[in-house]
N, C-alpha and C. Protein backbone atom coordinates (compact mmCIF):
# COMPACT_ATOMS: atom_id res chain seq x y z
N UNK A 1 23.78 32.93 2.00
CA UNK A 1 23.97 34.67 1.67
C UNK A 1 24.96 34.70 1.84
N UNK A 2 25.12 36.03 0.60
CA UNK A 2 26.35 36.21 -0.17
C UNK A 2 26.77 37.70 0.37
N UNK A 3 27.69 38.16 -0.19
CA UNK A 3 28.16 39.53 0.16
C UNK A 3 28.04 40.21 -0.95
N UNK A 4 28.24 41.89 -0.92
CA UNK A 4 28.16 42.69 -2.11
C UNK A 4 28.89 42.10 -3.39
N UNK A 5 30.00 41.72 -3.17
CA UNK A 5 30.43 40.91 -4.21
C UNK A 5 30.02 39.54 -4.66
N UNK A 6 29.27 39.25 -4.29
CA UNK A 6 28.51 38.06 -4.70
C UNK A 6 29.31 37.02 -3.97
N UNK A 7 29.96 36.88 -3.18
CA UNK A 7 31.24 35.76 -2.55
C UNK A 7 30.18 35.37 -1.38
N UNK A 8 30.30 34.05 -1.10
CA UNK A 8 29.40 33.26 -0.01
C UNK A 8 29.81 33.47 1.30
N UNK A 9 28.71 34.26 2.42
CA UNK A 9 29.28 34.25 3.80
C UNK A 9 28.61 33.14 4.22
N UNK A 10 27.40 33.19 4.08
CA UNK A 10 26.83 32.05 4.68
C UNK A 10 26.22 30.64 4.34
N UNK A 11 25.73 29.45 4.65
CA UNK A 11 25.33 28.91 4.57
C UNK A 11 24.53 28.35 5.00
N UNK A 12 23.20 27.76 5.48
CA UNK A 12 22.62 26.95 6.58
C UNK A 12 21.56 27.26 6.51
N UNK A 13 20.51 27.06 7.74
CA UNK A 13 19.37 27.75 8.44
C UNK A 13 18.43 29.06 9.00
N UNK A 14 17.96 29.56 8.11
CA UNK A 14 17.35 30.83 8.65
C UNK A 14 15.81 30.14 8.90
N UNK A 15 15.52 31.95 9.63
CA UNK A 15 14.08 31.65 10.27
C UNK A 15 13.60 33.06 10.69
N UNK A 16 12.75 33.29 9.51
CA UNK A 16 12.07 35.26 10.04
C UNK A 16 13.09 35.51 9.38
N UNK A 17 13.94 35.17 8.32
CA UNK A 17 14.88 36.34 7.55
C UNK A 17 16.14 36.52 8.22
N UNK A 18 16.69 35.95 9.91
CA UNK A 18 17.30 35.44 10.82
C UNK A 18 18.34 34.38 10.62
N UNK A 19 19.59 34.17 10.55
CA UNK A 19 20.56 33.06 10.40
C UNK A 19 19.91 32.53 12.43
N UNK A 20 18.99 31.45 12.52
CA UNK A 20 18.92 30.63 13.12
C UNK A 20 18.97 28.78 13.00
N UNK A 21 19.65 28.67 13.02
CA UNK A 21 19.80 26.85 13.24
C UNK A 21 21.55 26.37 12.90
N UNK A 22 21.95 25.46 12.51
CA UNK A 22 23.01 25.14 12.06
C UNK A 22 23.44 25.73 10.75
N UNK A 23 24.47 26.16 10.74
CA UNK A 23 25.18 26.19 9.46
C UNK A 23 26.98 27.06 10.12
N UNK A 24 27.16 27.70 8.90
CA UNK A 24 28.50 28.46 8.17
C UNK A 24 28.72 29.39 7.90
N UNK A 25 29.18 30.34 8.53
CA UNK A 25 29.66 31.49 8.17
C UNK A 25 31.45 31.66 7.69
N UNK A 26 31.35 32.61 6.73
CA UNK A 26 32.61 33.00 6.37
C UNK A 26 32.85 34.49 6.65
N UNK A 27 33.57 34.89 7.56
CA UNK A 27 34.06 35.88 7.96
C UNK A 27 35.31 36.70 7.19
N UNK A 28 35.19 37.84 6.92
CA UNK A 28 35.89 38.68 6.01
C UNK A 28 37.33 38.37 6.04
N UNK A 29 38.00 38.11 7.87
CA UNK A 29 39.68 37.50 8.31
C UNK A 29 39.80 36.08 7.72
N UNK A 30 38.60 35.55 7.10
CA UNK A 30 39.24 34.36 6.51
C UNK A 30 38.53 33.27 7.37
N UNK A 31 38.58 33.91 8.67
CA UNK A 31 38.03 32.45 9.61
C UNK A 31 36.45 31.81 9.29
N UNK A 32 36.54 30.79 9.65
CA UNK A 32 35.04 30.26 9.03
C UNK A 32 34.13 29.54 10.43
N UNK A 33 33.04 29.97 11.30
CA UNK A 33 32.88 29.26 12.08
C UNK A 33 31.24 28.23 11.56
N UNK A 34 31.16 27.19 11.70
CA UNK A 34 30.92 25.83 11.78
C UNK A 34 29.68 25.62 13.04
N UNK A 35 28.50 25.98 12.98
CA UNK A 35 27.92 25.37 14.19
C UNK A 35 26.38 26.24 14.15
N UNK A 36 25.75 26.01 15.36
CA UNK A 36 24.67 26.72 16.10
C UNK A 36 24.81 28.34 15.93
N UNK A 37 23.49 28.63 15.61
CA UNK A 37 23.23 30.43 15.59
C UNK A 37 21.56 30.76 15.86
N UNK A 38 21.95 31.13 16.97
CA UNK A 38 20.77 31.92 17.38
C UNK A 38 19.99 33.52 17.17
N UNK A 39 19.34 34.01 15.99
CA UNK A 39 19.49 35.38 16.28
C UNK A 39 20.66 36.37 15.88
N UNK A 40 20.58 35.78 14.14
CA UNK A 40 22.25 35.99 14.09
C UNK A 40 23.32 35.68 14.77
N UNK A 41 23.70 35.00 15.91
CA UNK A 41 24.73 35.27 16.67
C UNK A 41 25.17 33.42 17.11
N UNK A 42 26.14 33.39 17.03
CA UNK A 42 26.90 32.01 17.61
C UNK A 42 26.27 31.76 18.57
N UNK A 43 25.49 30.49 18.93
CA UNK A 43 24.76 30.17 19.97
C UNK A 43 25.05 28.84 20.23
N UNK A 44 25.31 28.27 21.21
CA UNK A 44 25.48 27.11 21.32
C UNK A 44 26.64 26.56 20.63
N UNK A 45 26.76 24.94 20.86
CA UNK A 45 27.79 23.92 20.17
C UNK A 45 28.45 24.47 18.56
N UNK A 46 29.85 24.95 18.55
CA UNK A 46 30.45 25.28 17.31
C UNK A 46 31.64 25.05 17.26
N UNK A 47 32.43 25.22 15.74
CA UNK A 47 34.52 25.30 15.58
C UNK A 47 34.48 26.70 15.09
N UNK A 48 35.38 27.07 15.74
CA UNK A 48 36.08 28.44 14.92
C UNK A 48 37.39 27.90 14.16
N UNK A 49 36.94 28.11 13.09
CA UNK A 49 38.51 27.72 12.16
C UNK A 49 39.64 29.28 12.22
N UNK A 50 40.58 28.75 12.35
CA UNK A 50 41.34 29.89 11.73
C UNK A 50 41.48 30.15 10.17
N UNK A 51 42.06 31.19 9.81
CA UNK A 51 41.98 31.48 8.00
C UNK A 51 43.05 29.98 7.26
N UNK A 52 43.50 29.03 7.96
CA UNK A 52 44.51 28.22 8.00
C UNK A 52 43.67 27.00 7.82
N UNK A 53 42.40 27.23 8.35
CA UNK A 53 41.41 26.22 8.21
C UNK A 53 42.04 25.18 9.45
N UNK A 54 42.63 25.82 10.70
CA UNK A 54 42.86 24.52 11.57
C UNK A 54 42.35 24.98 12.95
N UNK A 55 41.76 23.96 13.83
CA UNK A 55 40.64 24.84 14.84
C UNK A 55 41.05 25.81 15.89
N UNK A 56 40.49 26.88 15.51
CA UNK A 56 41.06 27.83 16.65
C UNK A 56 40.13 27.65 18.03
N UNK A 57 38.84 27.07 18.46
CA UNK A 57 37.94 27.26 19.20
C UNK A 57 37.06 26.33 19.07
N UNK A 58 36.75 25.16 19.87
CA UNK A 58 35.78 24.02 19.74
C UNK A 58 35.03 23.85 20.67
N UNK A 59 33.72 24.22 20.94
CA UNK A 59 32.81 24.35 22.01
C UNK A 59 31.78 24.69 21.97
N UNK A 60 31.79 25.86 23.63
CA UNK A 60 30.11 26.48 23.77
C UNK A 60 30.35 27.99 22.96
N UNK A 61 29.55 28.52 23.11
CA UNK A 61 29.69 29.71 22.60
C UNK A 61 28.54 30.63 23.09
N UNK A 62 28.14 31.42 23.45
CA UNK A 62 26.96 31.90 24.21
C UNK A 62 27.14 33.79 23.42
N UNK A 63 26.51 34.32 22.82
CA UNK A 63 25.67 35.71 22.68
C UNK A 63 26.82 36.05 21.66
N UNK A 64 27.48 34.77 20.34
CA UNK A 64 28.25 35.13 20.03
C UNK A 64 29.95 34.85 20.41
N UNK A 65 30.31 34.86 21.84
CA UNK A 65 31.00 34.77 22.09
C UNK A 65 31.60 33.62 22.61
N UNK A 66 32.94 32.81 22.45
CA UNK A 66 33.19 31.81 22.95
C UNK A 66 33.47 31.71 24.22
N UNK A 67 32.59 30.88 24.97
CA UNK A 67 32.74 29.92 26.06
C UNK A 67 33.91 29.57 27.13
N UNK A 68 34.80 30.41 27.85
CA UNK A 68 36.41 29.71 27.63
C UNK A 68 36.19 28.71 29.10
N UNK A 69 35.25 29.20 30.09
CA UNK A 69 34.98 28.41 31.07
C UNK A 69 33.65 28.54 31.68
N UNK A 70 33.36 27.58 32.10
CA UNK A 70 31.68 27.49 33.12
C UNK A 70 32.32 27.29 34.72
N UNK A 71 31.30 27.63 35.35
CA UNK A 71 31.54 27.16 36.46
C UNK A 71 30.25 26.91 37.01
N UNK A 72 30.21 26.16 38.13
CA UNK A 72 28.90 25.93 38.66
C UNK A 72 29.11 25.93 40.21
N UNK A 73 28.63 26.87 41.22
CA UNK A 73 28.54 27.09 42.49
C UNK A 73 27.53 26.87 43.22
N UNK A 74 27.41 26.40 44.02
CA UNK A 74 26.05 25.91 45.29
C UNK A 74 26.35 26.68 46.65
N UNK A 75 25.32 27.55 46.45
CA UNK A 75 25.54 28.20 48.41
C UNK A 75 25.11 27.32 49.29
N UNK A 76 25.53 27.09 50.44
CA UNK A 76 24.69 25.70 51.21
C UNK A 76 23.75 27.06 51.91
N UNK A 77 24.24 28.35 52.52
CA UNK A 77 23.10 29.14 53.28
C UNK A 77 23.38 30.58 52.56
N UNK A 78 22.50 30.43 51.53
CA UNK A 78 22.35 31.83 51.09
C UNK A 78 21.75 33.07 51.98
N UNK A 79 21.48 32.85 52.76
CA UNK A 79 20.68 33.89 53.64
C UNK A 79 21.85 34.62 54.48
N UNK A 80 23.33 33.83 54.04
CA UNK A 80 24.67 34.69 54.72
C UNK A 80 24.59 35.78 53.79
N UNK A 81 24.60 35.64 52.82
CA UNK A 81 25.22 36.68 51.76
C UNK A 81 24.41 37.71 51.52
N UNK A 82 25.27 39.08 51.26
CA UNK A 82 24.62 39.95 51.48
C UNK A 82 24.58 40.89 50.09
N UNK A 83 24.99 40.21 49.04
CA UNK A 83 26.14 40.42 47.89
C UNK A 83 26.59 39.83 47.48
N UNK A 84 26.53 39.33 45.72
CA UNK A 84 28.36 39.08 45.04
C UNK A 84 28.41 39.92 43.71
N UNK A 85 29.14 40.31 43.40
CA UNK A 85 29.67 40.78 42.69
C UNK A 85 30.78 39.90 41.43
N UNK A 86 30.02 40.13 39.97
CA UNK A 86 31.12 39.00 39.06
C UNK A 86 31.64 39.77 38.27
N UNK A 87 32.73 39.68 38.19
CA UNK A 87 34.00 40.40 37.33
C UNK A 87 34.41 39.11 35.99
N UNK A 88 35.33 39.87 35.26
CA UNK A 88 35.20 39.00 33.99
C UNK A 88 35.82 37.79 34.00
N UNK A 89 36.28 37.72 35.60
CA UNK A 89 37.05 36.25 35.39
C UNK A 89 36.79 35.80 36.87
N UNK A 90 36.11 36.52 37.67
CA UNK A 90 36.03 36.11 39.33
C UNK A 90 34.61 36.41 40.06
N UNK A 91 34.45 35.91 41.10
CA UNK A 91 33.14 35.90 41.60
C UNK A 91 33.53 36.16 42.95
N UNK A 92 32.54 37.19 43.85
CA UNK A 92 33.39 37.69 44.88
C UNK A 92 31.95 37.74 45.67
N UNK A 93 31.87 37.18 46.67
CA UNK A 93 30.72 36.75 47.66
C UNK A 93 31.05 37.54 48.92
N UNK A 94 30.20 37.98 49.28
CA UNK A 94 30.64 39.39 50.14
C UNK A 94 29.17 38.78 51.33
């Protein structure tokens, strides 16, 4: 896939005219993403390089964003939970 100036933007897999599967995307700011795509978005494992080609982030992407942390919560008495609130970096169980 090329931009309007015929400069390479993406090389990799497509499905139904969408970026799907493994590929490499070159952003206008010089950053490069190499990894998995689903429905034109970064999804799954990948690497994001800065414009100097140094790794900026390596790991899991979800809905086009890097996943900075994941947590698993096991609730032993769910009947006691009346409500829970998820903010950007905390989970409140009430």
